[in-house]
PDB file of N, CA and C in Angstrom:
ATOM      1  N   MET A   1       0.851  -1.159   0.000  1.00  0.00           N
ATOM      2  CA  MET A   1       0.000   0.000   0.000  1.00  0.00           C
ATOM      3  C   MET A   1       0.903   1.229   0.000  1.00  0.00           C
ATOM      4  N   VAL A   2       0.605   2.156  -0.895  1.00  0.00           N
ATOM      5  CA  VAL A   2       1.354   3.403  -0.996  1.00  0.00           C
ATOM      6  C   VAL A   2       0.347   4.539  -1.115  1.00  0.00           C
ATOM      7  N   SER A   3       0.604   5.605  -0.386  1.00  0.00           N
ATOM      8  CA  SER A   3      -0.259   6.788  -0.459  1.00  0.00           C
ATOM      9  C   SER A   3       0.612   8.032  -0.316  1.00  0.00           C
ATOM     10  N   THR A   4       0.285   9.061  -1.071  1.00  0.00           N
ATOM     11  CA  THR A   4       0.986  10.337  -0.958  1.00  0.00           C
ATOM     12  C   THR A   4      -0.033  11.466  -1.083  1.00  0.00           C
ATOM     13  N   PRO A   5       0.355  12.668  -0.673  1.00  0.00           N
ATOM     14  CA  PRO A   5      -0.500  13.811  -1.014  1.00  0.00           C
ATOM     15  C   PRO A   5      -0.509  13.964  -2.535  1.00  0.00           C
ATOM     16  N   ASN A   6      -1.497  14.603  -3.047  1.00  0.00           N
ATOM     17  CA  ASN A   6      -1.578  14.868  -4.487  1.00  0.00           C
ATOM     18  C   ASN A   6      -1.421  16.366  -4.722  1.00  0.00           C
ATOM     19  N   PHE A   7      -0.196  16.829  -4.672  1.00  0.00           N
ATOM     20  CA  PHE A   7       0.060  18.247  -4.967  1.00  0.00           C
ATOM     21  C   PHE A   7       0.266  18.449  -6.465  1.00  0.00           C
ATOM     22  N   ARG A   8       0.236  17.395  -7.237  1.00  0.00           N
ATOM     23  CA  ARG A   8       0.464  17.464  -8.685  1.00  0.00           C
ATOM     24  C   ARG A   8      -0.795  17.906  -9.434  1.00  0.00           C
ATOM     25  N   GLY A   9      -1.964  17.569  -8.924  1.00  0.00           N
ATOM     26  CA  GLY A   9      -3.209  17.932  -9.590  1.00  0.00           C
ATOM     27  C   GLY A   9      -3.337  19.442  -9.746  1.00  0.00           C
ATOM     28  N   PHE A  10      -3.960  19.884 -10.831  1.00  0.00           N
ATOM     29  CA  PHE A  10      -3.998  21.311 -11.182  1.00  0.00           C
ATOM     30  C   PHE A  10      -4.457  22.200 -10.023  1.00  0.00           C
ATOM     31  N   TYR A  11      -5.622  21.934  -9.463  1.00  0.00           N
ATOM     32  CA  TYR A  11      -6.152  22.811  -8.413  1.00  0.00           C
ATOM     33  C   TYR A  11      -5.342  22.700  -7.132  1.00  0.00           C
ATOM     34  N   GLN A  12      -4.965  21.474  -6.773  1.00  0.00           N
ATOM     35  CA  GLN A  12      -4.144  21.307  -5.573  1.00  0.00           C
ATOM     36  C   GLN A  12      -2.807  22.037  -5.733  1.00  0.00           C
ATOM     37  N   ARG A  13      -2.178  21.884  -6.900  1.00  0.00           N
ATOM     38  CA  ARG A  13      -0.884  22.532  -7.145  1.00  0.00           C
ATOM     39  C   ARG A  13      -1.017  24.054  -7.083  1.00  0.00           C
ATOM     40  N   LYS A  14      -2.026  24.593  -7.736  1.00  0.00           N
ATOM     41  CA  LYS A  14      -2.196  26.059  -7.757  1.00  0.00           C
ATOM     42  C   LYS A  14      -2.446  26.608  -6.351  1.00  0.00           C
ATOM     43  N   LEU A  15      -3.282  25.926  -5.571  1.00  0.00           N
ATOM     44  CA  LEU A  15      -3.530  26.377  -4.198  1.00  0.00           C
ATOM     45  C   LEU A  15      -2.258  26.321  -3.358  1.00  0.00           C
ATOM     46  N   HIS A  16      -1.490  25.248  -3.500  1.00  0.00           N
ATOM     47  CA  HIS A  16      -0.248  25.139  -2.731  1.00  0.00           C
ATOM     48  C   HIS A  16       0.799  26.149  -3.215  1.00  0.00           C
ATOM     49  N   GLU A  17       0.842  26.423  -4.508  1.00  0.00           N
ATOM     50  CA  GLU A  17       1.781  27.444  -5.012  1.00  0.00           C
ATOM     51  C   GLU A  17       1.494  28.793  -4.370  1.00  0.00           C
ATOM     52  N   TRP A  18       0.225  29.101  -4.207  1.00  0.00           N
ATOM     53  CA  TRP A  18      -0.136  30.403  -3.676  1.00  0.00           C
ATOM     54  C   TRP A  18      -0.152  30.441  -2.147  1.00  0.00           C
ATOM     55  N   LEU A  19      -0.637  29.383  -1.515  1.00  0.00           N
ATOM     56  CA  LEU A  19      -0.873  29.420  -0.072  1.00  0.00           C
ATOM     57  C   LEU A  19       0.107  28.599   0.764  1.00  0.00           C
ATOM     58  N   ASP A  20       0.926  27.767   0.135  1.00  0.00           N
ATOM     59  CA  ASP A  20       1.739  26.828   0.907  1.00  0.00           C
ATOM     60  C   ASP A  20       3.039  26.479   0.174  1.00  0.00           C
ATOM     61  N   GLN A  21       3.680  27.476  -0.406  1.00  0.00           N
ATOM     62  CA  GLN A  21       4.866  27.264  -1.239  1.00  0.00           C
ATOM     63  C   GLN A  21       5.987  26.497  -0.534  1.00  0.00           C
ATOM     64  N   PRO A  22       6.348  26.811   0.720  1.00  0.00           N
ATOM     65  CA  PRO A  22       7.431  26.043   1.361  1.00  0.00           C
ATOM     66  C   PRO A  22       7.129  24.549   1.467  1.00  0.00           C
ATOM     67  N   ASN A  23       5.892  24.190   1.793  1.00  0.00           N
ATOM     68  CA  ASN A  23       5.499  22.791   1.875  1.00  0.00           C
ATOM     69  C   ASN A  23       5.550  22.138   0.490  1.00  0.00           C
ATOM     70  N   LEU A  24       5.059  22.838  -0.513  1.00  0.00           N
ATOM     71  CA  LEU A  24       5.075  22.326  -1.884  1.00  0.00           C
ATOM     72  C   LEU A  24       6.508  22.061  -2.337  1.00  0.00           C
ATOM     73  N   ALA A  25       7.420  22.957  -2.016  1.00  0.00           N
ATOM     74  CA  ALA A  25       8.815  22.827  -2.438  1.00  0.00           C
ATOM     75  C   ALA A  25       9.499  21.594  -1.847  1.00  0.00           C
ATOM     76  N   GLU A  26       8.993  21.082  -0.747  1.00  0.00           N
ATOM     77  CA  GLU A  26       9.583  19.904  -0.109  1.00  0.00           C
ATOM     78  C   GLU A  26       9.098  18.589  -0.728  1.00  0.00           C
ATOM     79  N   HIS A  27       8.188  18.646  -1.671  1.00  0.00           N
ATOM     80  CA  HIS A  27       7.609  17.438  -2.258  1.00  0.00           C
ATOM     81  C   HIS A  27       8.063  17.241  -3.699  1.00  0.00           C
ATOM     82  N   ASN A  28       8.142  15.988  -4.113  1.00  0.00           N
ATOM     83  CA  ASN A  28       8.481  15.618  -5.479  1.00  0.00           C
ATOM     84  C   ASN A  28       7.181  15.373  -6.250  1.00  0.00           C
ATOM     85  N   LEU A  29       6.761  16.356  -7.033  1.00  0.00           N
ATOM     86  CA  LEU A  29       5.489  16.247  -7.756  1.00  0.00           C
ATOM     87  C   LEU A  29       5.522  15.150  -8.808  1.00  0.00           C
ATOM     88  N   GLU A  30       6.673  14.892  -9.387  1.00  0.00           N
ATOM     89  CA  GLU A  30       6.772  13.832 -10.398  1.00  0.00           C
ATOM     90  C   GLU A  30       6.448  12.458  -9.817  1.00  0.00           C
ATOM     91  N   ALA A  31       6.663  12.293  -8.513  1.00  0.00           N
ATOM     92  CA  ALA A  31       6.396  11.003  -7.875  1.00  0.00           C
ATOM     93  C   ALA A  31       4.920  10.796  -7.559  1.00  0.00           C
ATOM     94  N   MET A  32       4.106  11.814  -7.713  1.00  0.00           N
ATOM     95  CA  MET A  32       2.687  11.737  -7.342  1.00  0.00           C
ATOM     96  C   MET A  32       1.836  11.292  -8.534  1.00  0.00           C
ATOM     97  N   GLN A  33       2.169  10.119  -9.079  1.00  0.00           N
ATOM     98  CA  GLN A  33       1.474   9.575 -10.242  1.00  0.00           C
ATOM     99  C   GLN A  33       1.204   8.083 -10.013  1.00  0.00           C
ATOM    100  N   PRO A  34       0.085   7.750  -9.408  1.00  0.00           N
ATOM    101  CA  PRO A  34      -0.172   6.341  -9.094  1.00  0.00           C
ATOM    102  C   PRO A  34      -0.174   5.422 -10.315  1.00  0.00           C
ATOM    103  N   GLU A  35      -0.547   5.951 -11.478  1.00  0.00           N
ATOM    104  CA  GLU A  35      -0.548   5.121 -12.682  1.00  0.00           C
ATOM    105  C   GLU A  35       0.869   4.632 -12.989  1.00  0.00           C
ATOM    106  N   LEU A  36       1.865   5.483 -12.762  1.00  0.00           N
ATOM    107  CA  LEU A  36       3.252   5.074 -12.999  1.00  0.00           C
ATOM    108  C   LEU A  36       3.713   4.050 -11.969  1.00  0.00           C
ATOM    109  N   TRP A  37       3.247   4.193 -10.728  1.00  0.00           N
ATOM    110  CA  TRP A  37       3.588   3.196  -9.704  1.00  0.00           C
ATOM    111  C   TRP A  37       3.108   1.825 -10.167  1.00  0.00           C
ATOM    112  N   ALA A  38       1.878   1.784 -10.687  1.00  0.00           N
ATOM    113  CA  ALA A  38       1.302   0.509 -11.139  1.00  0.00           C
ATOM    114  C   ALA A  38       2.118  -0.078 -12.291  1.00  0.00           C
ATOM    115  N   GLU A  39       2.529   0.770 -13.234  1.00  0.00           N
ATOM    116  CA  GLU A  39       3.336   0.299 -14.355  1.00  0.00           C
ATOM    117  C   GLU A  39       4.651  -0.311 -13.876  1.00  0.00           C
ATOM    118  N   ILE A  40       5.205   0.235 -12.821  1.00  0.00           N
ATOM    119  CA  ILE A  40       6.488  -0.250 -12.296  1.00  0.00           C
ATOM    120  C   ILE A  40       6.334  -1.583 -11.582  1.00  0.00           C
ATOM    121  N   ILE A  41       5.279  -1.736 -10.797  1.00  0.00           N
ATOM    122  CA  ILE A  41       5.196  -2.948  -9.968  1.00  0.00           C
ATOM    123  C   ILE A  41       4.534  -4.138 -10.651  1.00  0.00           C
ATOM    124  N   ARG A  42       3.722  -3.922 -11.681  1.00  0.00           N
ATOM    125  CA  ARG A  42       3.073  -5.060 -12.359  1.00  0.00           C
ATOM    126  C   ARG A  42       4.112  -6.060 -12.889  1.00  0.00           C
ATOM    127  N   PRO A  43       5.142  -5.611 -13.594  1.00  0.00           N
ATOM    128  CA  PRO A  43       6.137  -6.576 -14.089  1.00  0.00           C
ATOM    129  C   PRO A  43       6.919  -7.274 -12.973  1.00  0.00           C
ATOM    130  N   LEU A  44       6.844  -6.755 -11.758  1.00  0.00           N
ATOM    131  CA  LEU A  44       7.538  -7.362 -10.625  1.00  0.00           C
ATOM    132  C   LEU A  44       6.690  -8.420  -9.928  1.00  0.00           C
ATOM    133  N   GLY A  45       5.523  -8.729 -10.511  1.00  0.00           N
ATOM    134  CA  GLY A  45       4.688  -9.796  -9.973  1.00  0.00           C
ATOM    135  C   GLY A  45       3.612  -9.328  -9.017  1.00  0.00           C
ATOM    136  N   PHE A  46       3.169  -8.095  -9.152  1.00  0.00           N
ATOM    137  CA  PHE A  46       2.106  -7.582  -8.283  1.00  0.00           C
ATOM    138  C   PHE A  46       0.812  -7.420  -9.067  1.00  0.00           C
ATOM    139  N   GLU A  47      -0.288  -7.712  -8.403  1.00  0.00           N
ATOM    140  CA  GLU A  47      -1.617  -7.461  -8.942  1.00  0.00           C
ATOM    141  C   GLU A  47      -2.130  -6.175  -8.299  1.00  0.00           C
ATOM    142  N   VAL A  48      -2.435  -5.187  -9.114  1.00  0.00           N
ATOM    143  CA  VAL A  48      -2.908  -3.902  -8.608  1.00  0.00           C
ATOM    144  C   VAL A  48      -4.397  -4.014  -8.315  1.00  0.00           C
ATOM    145  N   GLN A  49      -4.769  -3.741  -7.079  1.00  0.00           N
ATOM    146  CA  GLN A  49      -6.166  -3.821  -6.663  1.00  0.00           C
ATOM    147  C   GLN A  49      -6.839  -2.459  -6.643  1.00  0.00           C
ATOM    148  N   MET A  50      -6.079  -1.405  -6.408  1.00  0.00           N
ATOM    149  CA  MET A  50      -6.604  -0.034  -6.423  1.00  0.00           C
ATOM    150  C   MET A  50      -5.471   0.893  -6.826  1.00  0.00           C
ATOM    151  N   CYS A  51      -5.753   1.755  -7.756  1.00  0.00           N
ATOM    152  CA  CYS A  51      -4.773   2.737  -8.212  1.00  0.00           C
ATOM    153  C   CYS A  51      -5.572   3.967  -8.612  1.00  0.00           C
ATOM    154  N   SER A  52      -5.583   4.987  -7.741  1.00  0.00           N
ATOM    155  CA  SER A  52      -6.435   6.130  -8.051  1.00  0.00           C
ATOM    156  C   SER A  52      -6.116   7.317  -7.160  1.00  0.00           C
ATOM    157  N   TYR A  53      -6.905   8.354  -7.372  1.00  0.00           N
ATOM    158  CA  TYR A  53      -6.876   9.539  -6.521  1.00  0.00           C
ATOM    159  C   TYR A  53      -7.964   9.360  -5.472  1.00  0.00           C
ATOM    160  N   ILE A  54      -7.714   9.893  -4.283  1.00  0.00           N
ATOM    161  CA  ILE A  54      -8.560   9.580  -3.133  1.00  0.00           C
ATOM    162  C   ILE A  54      -9.176  10.856  -2.569  1.00  0.00           C
ATOM    163  N   GLU A  55     -10.439  10.804  -2.267  1.00  0.00           N
ATOM    164  CA  GLU A  55     -11.286  11.876  -1.731  1.00  0.00           C
ATOM    165  C   GLU A  55     -11.662  12.855  -2.836  1.00  0.00           C
ATOM    166  N   PRO A  56     -12.862  13.401  -2.769  1.00  0.00           N
ATOM    167  CA  PRO A  56     -13.279  14.342  -3.799  1.00  0.00           C
ATOM    168  C   PRO A  56     -12.614  15.713  -3.677  1.00  0.00           C
ATOM    169  N   TYR A  57     -12.468  16.245  -2.473  1.00  0.00           N
ATOM    170  CA  TYR A  57     -11.819  17.551  -2.309  1.00  0.00           C
ATOM    171  C   TYR A  57     -11.442  17.747  -0.848  1.00  0.00           C
ATOM    172  N   ASN A  58     -10.264  18.262  -0.640  1.00  0.00           N
ATOM    173  CA  ASN A  58      -9.792  18.680   0.676  1.00  0.00           C
ATOM    174  C   ASN A  58      -8.534  19.489   0.437  1.00  0.00           C
ATOM    175  N   PHE A  59      -8.171  20.333   1.387  1.00  0.00           N
ATOM    176  CA  PHE A  59      -6.968  21.140   1.246  1.00  0.00           C
ATOM    177  C   PHE A  59      -6.443  21.471   2.626  1.00  0.00           C
ATOM    178  N   TRP A  60      -5.142  21.365   2.804  1.00  0.00           N
ATOM    179  CA  TRP A  60      -4.500  21.700   4.072  1.00  0.00           C
ATOM    180  C   TRP A  60      -3.172  22.370   3.764  1.00  0.00           C
ATOM    181  N   VAL A  61      -2.640  23.066   4.742  1.00  0.00           N
ATOM    182  CA  VAL A  61      -1.364  23.772   4.571  1.00  0.00           C
ATOM    183  C   VAL A  61      -0.481  23.546   5.789  1.00  0.00           C
ATOM    184  N   GLY A  62       0.808  23.765   5.608  1.00  0.00           N
ATOM    185  CA  GLY A  62       1.752  23.743   6.712  1.00  0.00           C
ATOM    186  C   GLY A  62       1.756  25.091   7.417  1.00  0.00           C
ATOM    187  N   ALA A  63       2.418  25.142   8.556  1.00  0.00           N
ATOM    188  CA  ALA A  63       2.507  26.396   9.321  1.00  0.00           C
ATOM    189  C   ALA A  63       3.573  27.292   8.699  1.00  0.00           C
ATOM    190  N   GLN A  64       3.214  28.535   8.449  1.00  0.00           N
ATOM    191  CA  GLN A  64       4.144  29.535   7.911  1.00  0.00           C
ATOM    192  C   GLN A  64       3.475  30.897   7.952  1.00  0.00           C
ATOM    193  N   PRO A  65       4.249  31.963   7.873  1.00  0.00           N
ATOM    194  CA  PRO A  65       3.637  33.302   7.820  1.00  0.00           C
ATOM    195  C   PRO A  65       2.855  33.483   6.516  1.00  0.00           C
ATOM    196  N   ARG A  66       1.742  34.202   6.596  1.00  0.00           N
ATOM    197  CA  ARG A  66       0.906  34.444   5.422  1.00  0.00           C
ATOM    198  C   ARG A  66       0.379  35.877   5.423  1.00  0.00           C
ATOM    199  N   SER A  67       0.011  36.345   4.241  1.00  0.00           N
ATOM    200  CA  SER A  67      -0.607  37.664   4.108  1.00  0.00           C
ATOM    201  C   SER A  67      -2.037  37.604   4.645  1.00  0.00           C
ATOM    202  N   LEU A  68      -2.634  38.769   4.854  1.00  0.00           N
ATOM    203  CA  LEU A  68      -4.031  38.817   5.313  1.00  0.00           C
ATOM    204  C   LEU A  68      -4.969  38.173   4.292  1.00  0.00           C
ATOM    205  N   LEU A  69      -4.706  38.407   3.007  1.00  0.00           N
ATOM    206  CA  LEU A  69      -5.542  37.803   1.970  1.00  0.00           C
ATOM    207  C   LEU A  69      -5.424  36.279   2.005  1.00  0.00           C
ATOM    208  N   GLN A  70      -4.213  35.752   2.140  1.00  0.00           N
ATOM    209  CA  GLN A  70      -4.029  34.307   2.223  1.00  0.00           C
ATOM    210  C   GLN A  70      -4.750  33.740   3.448  1.00  0.00           C
ATOM    211  N   LYS A  71      -4.660  34.416   4.573  1.00  0.00           N
ATOM    212  CA  LYS A  71      -5.348  33.965   5.785  1.00  0.00           C
ATOM    213  C   LYS A  71      -6.859  33.935   5.574  1.00  0.00           C
ATOM    214  N   ALA A  72      -7.383  34.950   4.889  1.00  0.00           N
ATOM    215  CA  ALA A  72      -8.823  35.004   4.621  1.00  0.00           C
ATOM    216  C   ALA A  72      -9.252  33.844   3.718  1.00  0.00           C
ATOM    217  N   VAL A  73      -8.466  33.579   2.676  1.00  0.00           N
ATOM    218  CA  VAL A  73      -8.783  32.473   1.769  1.00  0.00           C
ATOM    219  C   VAL A  73      -8.751  31.151   2.526  1.00  0.00           C
ATOM    220  N   LEU A  74      -7.778  30.984   3.419  1.00  0.00           N
ATOM    221  CA  LEU A  74      -7.673  29.740   4.186  1.00  0.00           C
ATOM    222  C   LEU A  74      -8.834  29.560   5.161  1.00  0.00           C
ATOM    223  N   LYS A  75      -9.485  30.643   5.551  1.00  0.00           N
ATOM    224  CA  LYS A  75     -10.676  30.518   6.403  1.00  0.00           C
ATOM    225  C   LYS A  75     -11.895  30.098   5.575  1.00  0.00           C
ATOM    226  N   VAL A  76     -11.915  30.474   4.308  1.00  0.00           N
ATOM    227  CA  VAL A  76     -13.042  30.145   3.434  1.00  0.00           C
ATOM    228  C   VAL A  76     -12.944  28.716   2.893  1.00  0.00           C
ATOM    229  N   LEU A  77     -11.746  28.262   2.557  1.00  0.00           N
ATOM    230  CA  LEU A  77     -11.584  26.951   1.916  1.00  0.00           C
ATOM    231  C   LEU A  77     -12.229  25.789   2.687  1.00  0.00           C
ATOM    232  N   PRO A  78     -12.084  25.701   4.020  1.00  0.00           N
ATOM    233  CA  PRO A  78     -12.743  24.578   4.709  1.00  0.00           C
ATOM    234  C   PRO A  78     -14.264  24.599   4.583  1.00  0.00           C
ATOM    235  N   ARG A  79     -14.819  25.774   4.418  1.00  0.00           N
ATOM    236  CA  ARG A  79     -16.280  25.880   4.265  1.00  0.00           C
ATOM    237  C   ARG A  79     -16.753  25.343   2.911  1.00  0.00           C
ATOM    238  N   LEU A  80     -15.817  25.223   1.974  1.00  0.00           N
ATOM    239  CA  LEU A  80     -16.164  24.705   0.653  1.00  0.00           C
ATOM    240  C   LEU A  80     -16.146  23.174   0.613  1.00  0.00           C
ATOM    241  N   LYS A  81     -15.583  22.548   1.638  1.00  0.00           N
ATOM    242  CA  LYS A  81     -15.461  21.086   1.634  1.00  0.00           C
ATOM    243  C   LYS A  81     -16.810  20.381   1.443  1.00  0.00           C
ATOM    244  N   PRO A  82     -17.919  20.837   2.049  1.00  0.00           N
ATOM    245  CA  PRO A  82     -19.194  20.152   1.787  1.00  0.00           C
ATOM    246  C   PRO A  82     -19.580  20.131   0.309  1.00  0.00           C
ATOM    247  N   LEU A  83     -19.129  21.108  -0.459  1.00  0.00           N
ATOM    248  CA  LEU A  83     -19.418  21.100  -1.893  1.00  0.00           C
ATOM    249  C   LEU A  83     -18.665  19.982  -2.604  1.00  0.00           C
ATOM    250  N   GLY A  84     -17.623  19.473  -1.959  1.00  0.00           N
ATOM    251  CA  GLY A  84     -16.851  18.374  -2.532  1.00  0.00           C
ATOM    252  C   GLY A  84     -17.676  17.126  -2.752  1.00  0.00           C
ATOM    253  N   CYS A  85     -18.753  16.979  -1.985  1.00  0.00           N
ATOM    254  CA  CYS A  85     -19.611  15.802  -2.175  1.00  0.00           C
ATOM    255  C   CYS A  85     -20.285  15.839  -3.542  1.00  0.00           C
ATOM    256  N   CYS A  86     -20.348  17.004  -4.167  1.00  0.00           N
ATOM    257  CA  CYS A  86     -20.963  17.130  -5.484  1.00  0.00           C
ATOM    258  C   CYS A  86     -19.971  16.834  -6.612  1.00  0.00           C
ATOM    259  N   LEU A  87     -18.688  16.738  -6.282  1.00  0.00           N
ATOM    260  CA  LEU A  87     -17.655  16.480  -7.281  1.00  0.00           C
ATOM    261  C   LEU A  87     -17.448  14.974  -7.424  1.00  0.00           C
ATOM    262  N   PRO A  88     -17.083  14.523  -8.622  1.00  0.00           N
ATOM    263  CA  PRO A  88     -16.781  13.101  -8.776  1.00  0.00           C
ATOM    264  C   PRO A  88     -15.558  12.716  -7.944  1.00  0.00           C
ATOM    265  N   ASP A  89     -15.582  11.506  -7.380  1.00  0.00           N
ATOM    266  CA  ASP A  89     -14.415  11.006  -6.650  1.00  0.00           C
ATOM    267  C   ASP A  89     -13.273  10.726  -7.618  1.00  0.00           C
ATOM    268  N   ASN A  90     -12.093  10.671  -7.066  1.00  0.00           N
ATOM    269  CA  ASN A  90     -10.907  10.203  -7.780  1.00  0.00           C
ATOM    270  C   ASN A  90     -10.510  11.051  -8.986  1.00  0.00           C
ATOM    271  N   VAL A  91     -10.736  12.340  -8.930  1.00  0.00           N
ATOM    272  CA  VAL A  91     -10.296  13.200 -10.019  1.00  0.00           C
ATOM    273  C   VAL A  91      -8.979  13.837  -9.607  1.00  0.00           C
ATOM    274  N   GLY A  92      -7.931  13.519 -10.346  1.00  0.00           N
ATOM    275  CA  GLY A  92      -6.583  13.922  -9.995  1.00  0.00           C
ATOM    276  C   GLY A  92      -6.341  15.410  -9.929  1.00  0.00           C
ATOM    277  N   SER A  93      -7.165  16.225 -10.570  1.00  0.00           N
ATOM    278  CA  SER A  93      -6.915  17.663 -10.551  1.00  0.00           C
ATOM    279  C   SER A  93      -7.200  18.298  -9.193  1.00  0.00           C
ATOM    280  N   TYR A  94      -8.102  17.719  -8.412  1.00  0.00           N
ATOM    281  CA  TYR A  94      -8.417  18.325  -7.116  1.00  0.00           C
ATOM    282  C   TYR A  94      -8.382  17.356  -5.941  1.00  0.00           C
ATOM    283  N   ALA A  95      -8.272  16.062  -6.179  1.00  0.00           N
ATOM    284  CA  ALA A  95      -8.210  15.090  -5.071  1.00  0.00           C
ATOM    285  C   ALA A  95      -6.968  15.361  -4.217  1.00  0.00           C
ATOM    286  N   PRO A  96      -7.084  15.312  -2.903  1.00  0.00           N
ATOM    287  CA  PRO A  96      -5.955  15.646  -2.035  1.00  0.00           C
ATOM    288  C   PRO A  96      -4.920  14.532  -1.875  1.00  0.00           C
ATOM    289  N   TYR A  97      -5.272  13.297  -2.234  1.00  0.00           N
ATOM    290  CA  TYR A  97      -4.351  12.174  -2.056  1.00  0.00           C
ATOM    291  C   TYR A  97      -4.366  11.290  -3.297  1.00  0.00           C
ATOM    292  N   CYS A  98      -3.319  10.512  -3.447  1.00  0.00           N
ATOM    293  CA  CYS A  98      -3.307   9.460  -4.454  1.00  0.00           C
ATOM    294  C   CYS A  98      -2.751   8.203  -3.799  1.00  0.00           C
ATOM    295  N   GLY A  99      -3.169   7.064  -4.314  1.00  0.00           N
ATOM    296  CA  GLY A  99      -2.737   5.850  -3.659  1.00  0.00           C
ATOM    297  C   GLY A  99      -2.788   4.629  -4.557  1.00  0.00           C
ATOM    298  N   LEU A 100      -2.162   3.571  -4.068  1.00  0.00           N
ATOM    299  CA  LEU A 100      -2.119   2.304  -4.762  1.00  0.00           C
ATOM    300  C   LEU A 100      -2.139   1.183  -3.727  1.00  0.00           C
ATOM    301  N   VAL A 101      -2.937   0.164  -4.017  1.00  0.00           N
ATOM    302  CA  VAL A 101      -2.950  -1.056  -3.196  1.00  0.00           C
ATOM    303  C   VAL A 101      -2.682  -2.191  -4.161  1.00  0.00           C
ATOM    304  N   ALA A 102      -1.717  -3.029  -3.816  1.00  0.00           N
ATOM    305  CA  ALA A 102      -1.375  -4.165  -4.661  1.00  0.00           C
ATOM    306  C   ALA A 102      -0.962  -5.341  -3.791  1.00  0.00           C
ATOM    307  N   ARG A 103      -1.006  -6.524  -4.390  1.00  0.00           N
ATOM    308  CA  ARG A 103      -0.537  -7.698  -3.662  1.00  0.00           C
ATOM    309  C   ARG A 103       0.304  -8.529  -4.619  1.00  0.00           C
ATOM    310  N   ARG A 104       1.295  -9.170  -4.038  1.00  0.00           N
ATOM    311  CA  ARG A 104       2.172 -10.029  -4.836  1.00  0.00           C
ATOM    312  C   ARG A 104       1.389 -11.260  -5.261  1.00  0.00           C
ATOM    313  N   ILE A 105       1.493 -11.618  -6.523  1.00  0.00           N
ATOM    314  CA  ILE A 105       0.832 -12.798  -7.051  1.00  0.00           C
ATOM    315  C   ILE A 105       1.649 -14.021  -6.649  1.00  0.00           C
ATOM    316  N   LYS A 106       0.981 -15.001  -6.066  1.00  0.00           N
ATOM    317  CA  LYS A 106       1.649 -16.232  -5.641  1.00  0.00           C
ATOM    318  C   LYS A 106       1.781 -17.154  -6.854  1.00  0.00           C
ATOM    319  N   HIS A 107       2.983 -17.623  -7.062  1.00  0.00           N
ATOM    320  CA  HIS A 107       3.225 -18.584  -8.152  1.00  0.00           C
ATOM    321  C   HIS A 107       3.329 -19.972  -7.540  1.00  0.00           C
ATOM    322  N   SER A 108       2.685 -20.950  -8.178  1.00  0.00           N
ATOM    323  CA  SER A 108       2.759 -22.318  -7.644  1.00  0.00           C
ATOM    324  C   SER A 108       3.807 -23.134  -8.349  1.00  0.00           C
TER     325      SER A 108
END
């Protein structure tokens, strides 16, 4: 089982660029591609059971100084989470996490 934040998705990336740049800079966005994880492990004898983006919408930030406008936006964003129920699940542009579940295939 592997799970990471999804800062690579368009909306997640843009929000982190504006509101959480130091946290974003500490992450490898190229690694946030569950489809590539699956491509790597299948030839190694794994059966992929789940490979997708997780949750419809959520957003969080690390602790750092922010402008008044950024602070105001961060107070509004959690109030938008209930609207996430109207969004399709597993859409990489705004889903906050990505993950993969696989199991090794037993050979007899």
